[in-house]
C-alpha atoms as a PDB file:
ATOM      1  CA  MET A   1      -0.141   0.161   0.198  1.00  0.00           C
ATOM      2  CA  THR A   2       1.321   3.423  -1.000  1.00  0.00           C
ATOM      3  CA  HIS A   3       0.541   6.063   1.719  1.00  0.00           C
ATOM      4  CA  LEU A   4       0.067   9.778   1.179  1.00  0.00           C
ATOM      5  CA  SER A   5       2.119  12.329   3.118  1.00  0.00           C
ATOM      6  CA  VAL A   6       0.880  15.792   2.748  1.00  0.00           C
ATOM      7  CA  ASN A   7       3.429  18.503   2.688  1.00  0.00           C
ATOM      8  CA  ILE A   8       1.723  21.662   4.462  1.00  0.00           C
ATOM      9  CA  ASN A   9       4.676  24.258   3.459  1.00  0.00           C
ATOM     10  CA  LYS A  10       2.415  26.199   1.520  1.00  0.00           C
ATOM     11  CA  ILE A  11      -0.100  26.606   4.387  1.00  0.00           C
ATOM     12  CA  ALA A  12       2.793  28.106   6.302  1.00  0.00           C
ATOM     13  CA  THR A  13       3.668  30.350   3.490  1.00  0.00           C
ATOM     14  CA  LEU A  14       0.290  32.106   3.305  1.00  0.00           C
ATOM     15  CA  ARG A  15       0.771  32.195   7.204  1.00  0.00           C
ATOM     16  CA  ASN A  16       3.863  33.888   6.963  1.00  0.00           C
ATOM     17  CA  ALA A  17       2.510  36.576   4.172  1.00  0.00           C
ATOM     18  CA  ARG A  18       0.503  38.382   6.818  1.00  0.00           C
ATOM     19  CA  GLY A  19       2.073  37.473  10.174  1.00  0.00           C
ATOM     20  CA  GLY A  20      -0.032  36.248  12.976  1.00  0.00           C
ATOM     21  CA  ASN A  21      -1.288  32.446  12.804  1.00  0.00           C
ATOM     22  CA  ILE A  22      -4.033  32.768  10.159  1.00  0.00           C
ATOM     23  CA  PRO A  23      -4.036  30.055   8.692  1.00  0.00           C
ATOM     24  CA  ASP A  24      -3.060  27.827  11.814  1.00  0.00           C
ATOM     25  CA  VAL A  25      -0.156  25.522  10.657  1.00  0.00           C
ATOM     26  CA  LEU A  26      -0.845  22.980  13.585  1.00  0.00           C
ATOM     27  CA  LYS A  27      -4.645  22.681  12.826  1.00  0.00           C
ATOM     28  CA  ALA A  28      -3.927  22.156   9.273  1.00  0.00           C
ATOM     29  CA  ALA A  29      -1.536  19.321  10.116  1.00  0.00           C
ATOM     30  CA  ILE A  30      -4.296  17.861  12.737  1.00  0.00           C
ATOM     31  CA  ASP A  31      -6.961  18.419   9.871  1.00  0.00           C
ATOM     32  CA  CYS A  32      -4.757  16.719   6.905  1.00  0.00           C
ATOM     33  CA  GLU A  33      -4.613  13.900   9.133  1.00  0.00           C
ATOM     34  CA  ARG A  34      -8.170  13.681  10.181  1.00  0.00           C
ATOM     35  CA  PHE A  35      -9.129  14.185   6.901  1.00  0.00           C
ATOM     36  CA  GLY A  36      -7.112  10.616   5.825  1.00  0.00           C
ATOM     37  CA  ALA A  37      -3.807  11.853   5.345  1.00  0.00           C
ATOM     38  CA  GLN A  38      -1.174   9.020   6.215  1.00  0.00           C
ATOM     39  CA  GLY A  39       1.669  11.411   7.235  1.00  0.00           C
ATOM     40  CA  ILE A  40       2.804  14.975   7.396  1.00  0.00           C
ATOM     41  CA  THR A  41       5.640  16.307   5.691  1.00  0.00           C
ATOM     42  CA  VAL A  42       7.446  19.748   6.092  1.00  0.00           C
ATOM     43  CA  HIS A  43      10.713  21.181   4.795  1.00  0.00           C
ATOM     44  CA  PRO A  44      12.385  23.718   6.747  1.00  0.00           C
ATOM     45  CA  ARG A  45      14.698  26.176   4.847  1.00  0.00           C
ATOM     46  CA  PRO A  46      17.332  28.562   6.410  1.00  0.00           C
ATOM     47  CA  ASP A  47      15.444  31.424   5.925  1.00  0.00           C
ATOM     48  CA  GLU A  48      12.177  30.192   7.379  1.00  0.00           C
ATOM     49  CA  ARG A  49      10.369  31.596   4.324  1.00  0.00           C
ATOM     50  CA  HIS A  50       7.370  28.886   5.168  1.00  0.00           C
ATOM     51  CA  ILE A  51       7.809  26.057   7.418  1.00  0.00           C
ATOM     52  CA  ARG A  52       9.827  27.562  10.403  1.00  0.00           C
ATOM     53  CA  TYR A  53      12.090  25.392  12.766  1.00  0.00           C
ATOM     54  CA  GLN A  54       9.588  26.186  15.825  1.00  0.00           C
ATOM     55  CA  ASP A  55       6.680  24.825  13.727  1.00  0.00           C
ATOM     56  CA  ALA A  56       8.627  21.396  13.135  1.00  0.00           C
ATOM     57  CA  ARG A  57       9.074  21.351  17.018  1.00  0.00           C
ATOM     58  CA  ASP A  58       5.305  22.096  17.629  1.00  0.00           C
ATOM     59  CA  ILE A  59       4.204  19.847  15.241  1.00  0.00           C
ATOM     60  CA  LYS A  60       5.656  16.408  16.252  1.00  0.00           C
ATOM     61  CA  PRO A  61       3.897  15.935  19.625  1.00  0.00           C
ATOM     62  CA  ILE A  62       0.295  16.380  17.415  1.00  0.00           C
ATOM     63  CA  VAL A  63       1.150  14.363  14.618  1.00  0.00           C
ATOM     64  CA  THR A  64      -0.422  10.881  14.876  1.00  0.00           C
ATOM     65  CA  THR A  65       0.654   9.079  11.621  1.00  0.00           C
ATOM     66  CA  GLU A  66       3.899   9.735  10.581  1.00  0.00           C
ATOM     67  CA  PHE A  67       6.141  12.839  10.611  1.00  0.00           C
ATOM     68  CA  ASN A  68       8.749  13.497   8.064  1.00  0.00           C
ATOM     69  CA  ILE A  69      11.193  16.286   8.130  1.00  0.00           C
ATOM     70  CA  GLU A  70      13.011  17.118   4.879  1.00  0.00           C
ATOM     71  CA  GLY A  71      15.909  19.512   4.304  1.00  0.00           C
ATOM     72  CA  ASN A  72      19.703  19.844   3.192  1.00  0.00           C
ATOM     73  CA  PRO A  73      21.687  18.364   6.123  1.00  0.00           C
ATOM     74  CA  THR A  74      23.157  21.310   7.315  1.00  0.00           C
ATOM     75  CA  ARG A  75      24.359  21.646  11.107  1.00  0.00           C
ATOM     76  CA  GLN A  76      21.322  23.467  12.081  1.00  0.00           C
ATOM     77  CA  PHE A  77      19.133  21.076  10.223  1.00  0.00           C
ATOM     78  CA  ILE A  78      20.708  17.870  11.798  1.00  0.00           C
ATOM     79  CA  ASP A  79      20.347  19.552  15.180  1.00  0.00           C
ATOM     80  CA  LEU A  80      16.534  20.019  14.539  1.00  0.00           C
ATOM     81  CA  VAL A  81      16.279  16.328  13.487  1.00  0.00           C
ATOM     82  CA  LEU A  82      18.114  15.046  16.083  1.00  0.00           C
ATOM     83  CA  GLU A  83      15.887  17.344  18.476  1.00  0.00           C
ATOM     84  CA  VAL A  84      12.599  16.564  17.367  1.00  0.00           C
ATOM     85  CA  ASN A  85      13.246  12.767  16.363  1.00  0.00           C
ATOM     86  CA  PRO A  86      10.562  12.758  13.474  1.00  0.00           C
ATOM     87  CA  ASP A  87       9.592   9.269  11.872  1.00  0.00           C
ATOM     88  CA  GLN A  88      11.453  10.019   9.001  1.00  0.00           C
ATOM     89  CA  VAL A  89      14.065  12.488   7.398  1.00  0.00           C
ATOM     90  CA  THR A  90      14.350  12.632   3.840  1.00  0.00           C
ATOM     91  CA  LEU A  91      17.717  14.599   2.633  1.00  0.00           C
ATOM     92  CA  VAL A  92      17.559  16.895  -0.049  1.00  0.00           C
ATOM     93  CA  PRO A  93      20.261  18.808  -1.242  1.00  0.00           C
ATOM     94  CA  ASP A  94      18.764  22.168  -1.927  1.00  0.00           C
ATOM     95  CA  ALA A  95      21.021  25.182  -2.054  1.00  0.00           C
ATOM     96  CA  PRO A  96      19.745  28.048   0.649  1.00  0.00           C
ATOM     97  CA  ASP A  97      18.343  30.147  -2.117  1.00  0.00           C
ATOM     98  CA  ALA A  98      16.541  27.276  -3.929  1.00  0.00           C
ATOM     99  CA  LEU A  99      12.765  28.357  -4.765  1.00  0.00           C
ATOM    100  CA  THR A 100      12.081  24.619  -4.548  1.00  0.00           C
ATOM    101  CA  SER A 101      14.166  21.257  -4.731  1.00  0.00           C
ATOM    102  CA  ASN A 102      15.485  20.679  -8.030  1.00  0.00           C
ATOM    103  CA  ALA A 103      18.104  18.201  -8.040  1.00  0.00           C
ATOM    104  CA  GLY A 104      18.766  14.807  -6.275  1.00  0.00           C
ATOM    105  CA  TRP A 105      22.215  13.631  -4.661  1.00  0.00           C
ATOM    106  CA  ASP A 106      25.337  12.942  -6.217  1.00  0.00           C
ATOM    107  CA  THR A 107      25.316   9.756  -4.114  1.00  0.00           C
ATOM    108  CA  VAL A 108      29.314   9.320  -5.411  1.00  0.00           C
ATOM    109  CA  LYS A 109      30.513  12.594  -4.895  1.00  0.00           C
ATOM    110  CA  ASN A 110      28.687  12.589  -1.481  1.00  0.00           C
ATOM    111  CA  LEU A 111      28.957   9.178  -0.221  1.00  0.00           C
ATOM    112  CA  LYS A 112      31.465   9.926   2.985  1.00  0.00           C
ATOM    113  CA  PHE A 113      28.962  12.773   3.877  1.00  0.00           C
ATOM    114  CA  LEU A 114      26.040  10.860   3.354  1.00  0.00           C
ATOM    115  CA  GLN A 115      27.072   7.546   5.333  1.00  0.00           C
ATOM    116  CA  GLU A 116      28.354  10.221   8.626  1.00  0.00           C
ATOM    117  CA  VAL A 117      24.916  12.164   8.476  1.00  0.00           C
ATOM    118  CA  ILE A 118      22.696   8.830   8.052  1.00  0.00           C
ATOM    119  CA  ALA A 119      24.431   7.085  10.539  1.00  0.00           C
ATOM    120  CA  THR A 120      23.978   9.848  12.784  1.00  0.00           C
ATOM    121  CA  PHE A 121      19.996   9.701  12.187  1.00  0.00           C
ATOM    122  CA  LYS A 122      19.746   6.231  12.347  1.00  0.00           C
ATOM    123  CA  LYS A 123      21.639   5.847  15.912  1.00  0.00           C
ATOM    124  CA  GLU A 124      18.414   7.843  17.498  1.00  0.00           C
ATOM    125  CA  GLY A 125      15.946   5.428  15.245  1.00  0.00           C
ATOM    126  CA  ILE A 126      15.125   7.767  12.886  1.00  0.00           C
ATOM    127  CA  ARG A 127      14.206   6.242   9.091  1.00  0.00           C
ATOM    128  CA  THR A 128      16.119   7.853   6.423  1.00  0.00           C
ATOM    129  CA  SER A 129      15.356   8.786   2.870  1.00  0.00           C
ATOM    130  CA  ILE A 130      17.625  10.659   0.187  1.00  0.00           C
ATOM    131  CA  PHE A 131      16.129  12.286  -2.747  1.00  0.00           C
ATOM    132  CA  ILE A 132      17.277  11.160  -5.823  1.00  0.00           C
ATOM    133  CA  GLU A 133      16.979  11.177  -9.705  1.00  0.00           C
ATOM    134  CA  THR A 134      16.618   8.112 -11.925  1.00  0.00           C
ATOM    135  CA  ASP A 135      20.595   7.675 -12.419  1.00  0.00           C
ATOM    136  CA  LEU A 136      20.986   4.087 -11.649  1.00  0.00           C
ATOM    137  CA  LYS A 137      24.535   4.529 -10.791  1.00  0.00           C
ATOM    138  CA  MET A 138      23.578   7.012  -8.104  1.00  0.00           C
ATOM    139  CA  ILE A 139      20.660   4.488  -6.868  1.00  0.00           C
ATOM    140  CA  LYS A 140      23.106   1.675  -6.616  1.00  0.00           C
ATOM    141  CA  GLN A 141      25.321   3.762  -4.703  1.00  0.00           C
ATOM    142  CA  ALA A 142      22.549   5.181  -2.568  1.00  0.00           C
ATOM    143  CA  ALA A 143      22.445   1.577  -0.809  1.00  0.00           C
ATOM    144  CA  LYS A 144      26.144   2.325   0.378  1.00  0.00           C
ATOM    145  CA  THR A 145      25.100   5.308   2.359  1.00  0.00           C
ATOM    146  CA  GLY A 146      23.079   3.149   4.799  1.00  0.00           C
ATOM    147  CA  THR A 147      19.826   4.803   3.899  1.00  0.00           C
ATOM    148  CA  ASP A 148      16.830   3.222   4.345  1.00  0.00           C
ATOM    149  CA  ARG A 149      14.805   4.675   1.389  1.00  0.00           C
ATOM    150  CA  ILE A 150      15.167   6.813  -1.433  1.00  0.00           C
ATOM    151  CA  GLU A 151      12.705   9.593  -2.508  1.00  0.00           C
ATOM    152  CA  LEU A 152      12.537   9.779  -6.486  1.00  0.00           C
ATOM    153  CA  TYR A 153      12.556  13.294  -7.443  1.00  0.00           C
ATOM    154  CA  THR A 154       9.334  13.355 -10.046  1.00  0.00           C
ATOM    155  CA  GLU A 155       9.612  16.581 -11.699  1.00  0.00           C
ATOM    156  CA  SER A 156      10.464  14.938 -15.114  1.00  0.00           C
ATOM    157  CA  TYR A 157       8.028  12.377 -15.102  1.00  0.00           C
ATOM    158  CA  ALA A 158       5.385  15.418 -14.377  1.00  0.00           C
ATOM    159  CA  THR A 159       6.575  17.599 -17.142  1.00  0.00           C
ATOM    160  CA  ASP A 160       6.890  14.469 -19.601  1.00  0.00           C
ATOM    161  CA  PHE A 161       3.488  12.940 -18.843  1.00  0.00           C
ATOM    162  CA  TYR A 162       0.817  14.799 -20.710  1.00  0.00           C
ATOM    163  CA  GLU A 163       3.183  14.208 -24.116  1.00  0.00           C
ATOM    164  CA  ASP A 164       3.937  10.595 -23.546  1.00  0.00           C
ATOM    165  CA  ARG A 165       3.049   9.313 -20.052  1.00  0.00           C
ATOM    166  CA  GLU A 166       5.002   5.792 -21.103  1.00  0.00           C
ATOM    167  CA  ALA A 167       8.019   7.200 -21.842  1.00  0.00           C
ATOM    168  CA  ALA A 168       7.633   9.739 -18.875  1.00  0.00           C
ATOM    169  CA  ILE A 169       7.475   6.617 -16.398  1.00  0.00           C
ATOM    170  CA  ALA A 170       9.902   4.126 -17.995  1.00  0.00           C
ATOM    171  CA  PRO A 171      13.150   5.555 -16.159  1.00  0.00           C
ATOM    172  CA  PHE A 172      11.258   5.945 -12.738  1.00  0.00           C
ATOM    173  CA  VAL A 173       9.985   1.816 -13.303  1.00  0.00           C
ATOM    174  CA  GLU A 174      13.540   0.673 -14.053  1.00  0.00           C
ATOM    175  CA  ALA A 175      15.213   3.069 -11.066  1.00  0.00           C
ATOM    176  CA  ALA A 176      12.175   1.298  -8.763  1.00  0.00           C
ATOM    177  CA  GLU A 177      13.215  -1.779  -9.710  1.00  0.00           C
ATOM    178  CA  VAL A 178      17.034  -1.414  -8.771  1.00  0.00           C
ATOM    179  CA  ALA A 179      16.177   0.084  -5.735  1.00  0.00           C
ATOM    180  CA  GLN A 180      14.517  -2.865  -4.653  1.00  0.00           C
ATOM    181  CA  LYS A 181      17.406  -5.017  -5.772  1.00  0.00           C
ATOM    182  CA  VAL A 182      19.550  -3.235  -3.923  1.00  0.00           C
ATOM    183  CA  GLY A 183      17.344  -3.439  -0.716  1.00  0.00           C
ATOM    184  CA  LEU A 184      15.922   0.272  -0.846  1.00  0.00           C
ATOM    185  CA  GLY A 185      12.539   1.214   0.022  1.00  0.00           C
ATOM    186  CA  ILE A 186      11.049   3.844  -2.374  1.00  0.00           C
ATOM    187  CA  ASN A 187       9.166   7.041  -1.661  1.00  0.00           C
ATOM    188  CA  ALA A 188       8.498   9.706  -4.504  1.00  0.00           C
ATOM    189  CA  GLY A 189       7.529  13.335  -4.688  1.00  0.00           C
ATOM    190  CA  HIS A 190       7.574  16.702  -6.577  1.00  0.00           C
ATOM    191  CA  ASP A 191       5.036  17.819  -8.980  1.00  0.00           C
ATOM    192  CA  LEU A 192       2.847  14.862  -8.697  1.00  0.00           C
ATOM    193  CA  ASN A 193      -0.963  15.668  -8.734  1.00  0.00           C
ATOM    194  CA  LEU A 194      -4.322  14.430  -9.594  1.00  0.00           C
ATOM    195  CA  ASP A 195      -3.768  13.986 -13.205  1.00  0.00           C
ATOM    196  CA  ASN A 196      -0.664  11.983 -13.166  1.00  0.00           C
ATOM    197  CA  LEU A 197      -0.666  10.431  -9.436  1.00  0.00           C
ATOM    198  CA  ALA A 198      -2.592   7.129 -10.157  1.00  0.00           C
ATOM    199  CA  TYR A 199      -0.403   6.044 -13.258  1.00  0.00           C
ATOM    200  CA  PHE A 200       2.685   6.697 -11.297  1.00  0.00           C
ATOM    201  CA  VAL A 201       1.516   4.589  -8.295  1.00  0.00           C
ATOM    202  CA  GLU A 202       0.113   1.829 -10.586  1.00  0.00           C
ATOM    203  CA  GLN A 203       3.158   1.414 -12.409  1.00  0.00           C
ATOM    204  CA  ILE A 204       6.007   1.667  -9.934  1.00  0.00           C
ATOM    205  CA  PRO A 205       6.769  -1.582  -7.853  1.00  0.00           C
ATOM    206  CA  GLY A 206       7.109  -1.171  -4.311  1.00  0.00           C
ATOM    207  CA  LEU A 207       6.181   2.415  -3.865  1.00  0.00           C
ATOM    208  CA  LEU A 208       5.677   3.096  -0.042  1.00  0.00           C
ATOM    209  CA  GLU A 209       4.987   6.793  -0.010  1.00  0.00           C
ATOM    210  CA  VAL A 210       4.070   9.790  -2.121  1.00  0.00           C
ATOM    211  CA  SER A 211       4.623  12.913  -0.465  1.00  0.00           C
ATOM    212  CA  ILE A 212       2.480  16.026  -1.787  1.00  0.00           C
ATOM    213  CA  GLY A 213       2.330  19.724  -1.164  1.00  0.00           C
ATOM    214  CA  HIS A 214       2.144  22.626  -3.665  1.00  0.00           C
ATOM    215  CA  ALA A 215      -0.689  20.608  -6.226  1.00  0.00           C
ATOM    216  CA  LEU A 216      -2.515  19.195  -3.072  1.00  0.00           C
ATOM    217  CA  ILE A 217      -3.032  22.698  -1.174  1.00  0.00           C
ATOM    218  CA  SER A 218      -3.465  24.554  -4.593  1.00  0.00           C
ATOM    219  CA  ASP A 219      -6.574  22.293  -5.422  1.00  0.00           C
ATOM    220  CA  ALA A 220      -7.669  22.676  -1.562  1.00  0.00           C
ATOM    221  CA  LEU A 221      -8.063  26.486  -2.549  1.00  0.00           C
ATOM    222  CA  TYR A 222     -10.806  25.461  -5.227  1.00  0.00           C
ATOM    223  CA  LEU A 223     -12.276  21.917  -3.732  1.00  0.00           C
ATOM    224  CA  GLY A 224     -11.630  22.358  -0.135  1.00  0.00           C
ATOM    225  CA  LEU A 225      -9.010  20.820   2.234  1.00  0.00           C
ATOM    226  CA  GLU A 226     -10.779  17.294   3.429  1.00  0.00           C
ATOM    227  CA  ASN A 227     -12.403  16.751  -0.471  1.00  0.00           C
ATOM    228  CA  THR A 228      -8.986  17.213  -1.841  1.00  0.00           C
ATOM    229  CA  ILE A 229      -7.098  14.652   0.422  1.00  0.00           C
ATOM    230  CA  GLN A 230      -9.802  12.102  -0.461  1.00  0.00           C
ATOM    231  CA  MET A 231      -9.458  12.937  -4.127  1.00  0.00           C
ATOM    232  CA  TYR A 232      -5.616  11.948  -3.932  1.00  0.00           C
ATOM    233  CA  LEU A 233      -6.246   9.165  -1.529  1.00  0.00           C
ATOM    234  CA  ARG A 234      -8.628   7.713  -4.501  1.00  0.00           C
ATOM    235  CA  GLU A 235      -5.930   8.066  -6.864  1.00  0.00           C
ATOM    236  CA  VAL A 236      -3.483   6.576  -4.567  1.00  0.00           C
ATOM    237  CA  ASN A 237      -5.551   3.502  -4.025  1.00  0.00           C
ATOM    238  CA  ARG A 238      -6.960   3.370  -7.747  1.00  0.00           C
ATOM    239  CA  VAL A 239      -7.084  -0.483  -8.758  1.00  0.00           C
ATOM    240  CA  LYS A 240      -4.398  -1.161 -11.274  1.00  0.00           C
ATOM    241  CA  GLY A 241      -5.942  -1.154 -14.832  1.00  0.00           C
ATOM    242  CA  GLU A 242      -8.832   1.141 -13.811  1.00  0.00           C
ATOM    243  CA  GLY A 243      -9.141   4.440 -15.839  1.00  0.00           C
END
């Protein structure tokens, strides 16, 4: 079964635009779970332009499903994760000024660094995942880092989906098959939406989790948060071969 983790960064972006506490990020996390989400994801960045470090601290005690913190493993980020002790940490190599995550790890170049960071988290019982593209060499090398899972960076799939979905999904299927062979669990995220989600879930073997934020929160502006989460869950759980 593939789980849906809702990234609530965009709710924090809206809150920060005016200051104060509207919308309430903590209430949003609780509501997402109440409406069926099987996890909550946050991605605090150094400038705290959306999720703040304190948000991560405040969310941990109220989450009853899975709490996933993602980000670049700077010293500040590592300290936050060790303090909060989430269920999962997803390591993303984004620059401090990156608008959004836009590349996966070079697990060859960064092998030693990732081994050290991941060992630190695993010592505290935190499941680890690393953001990665479909380069098979990088995926095989990822197994040497000690990570439990990889998160497939799905922007290229989402971009190419409307032109040729079979061609768009092909490298991700191969990547997932290789990941399974080397003992890695598989997550996925970035630009997945109501159009392309079901096909991705249907085609990717062993897909454990999808993390979706921007599209889901944007859809919720029109459709309502509860209805939108239910719509995404239906896509995640659609029977293979349907539609």
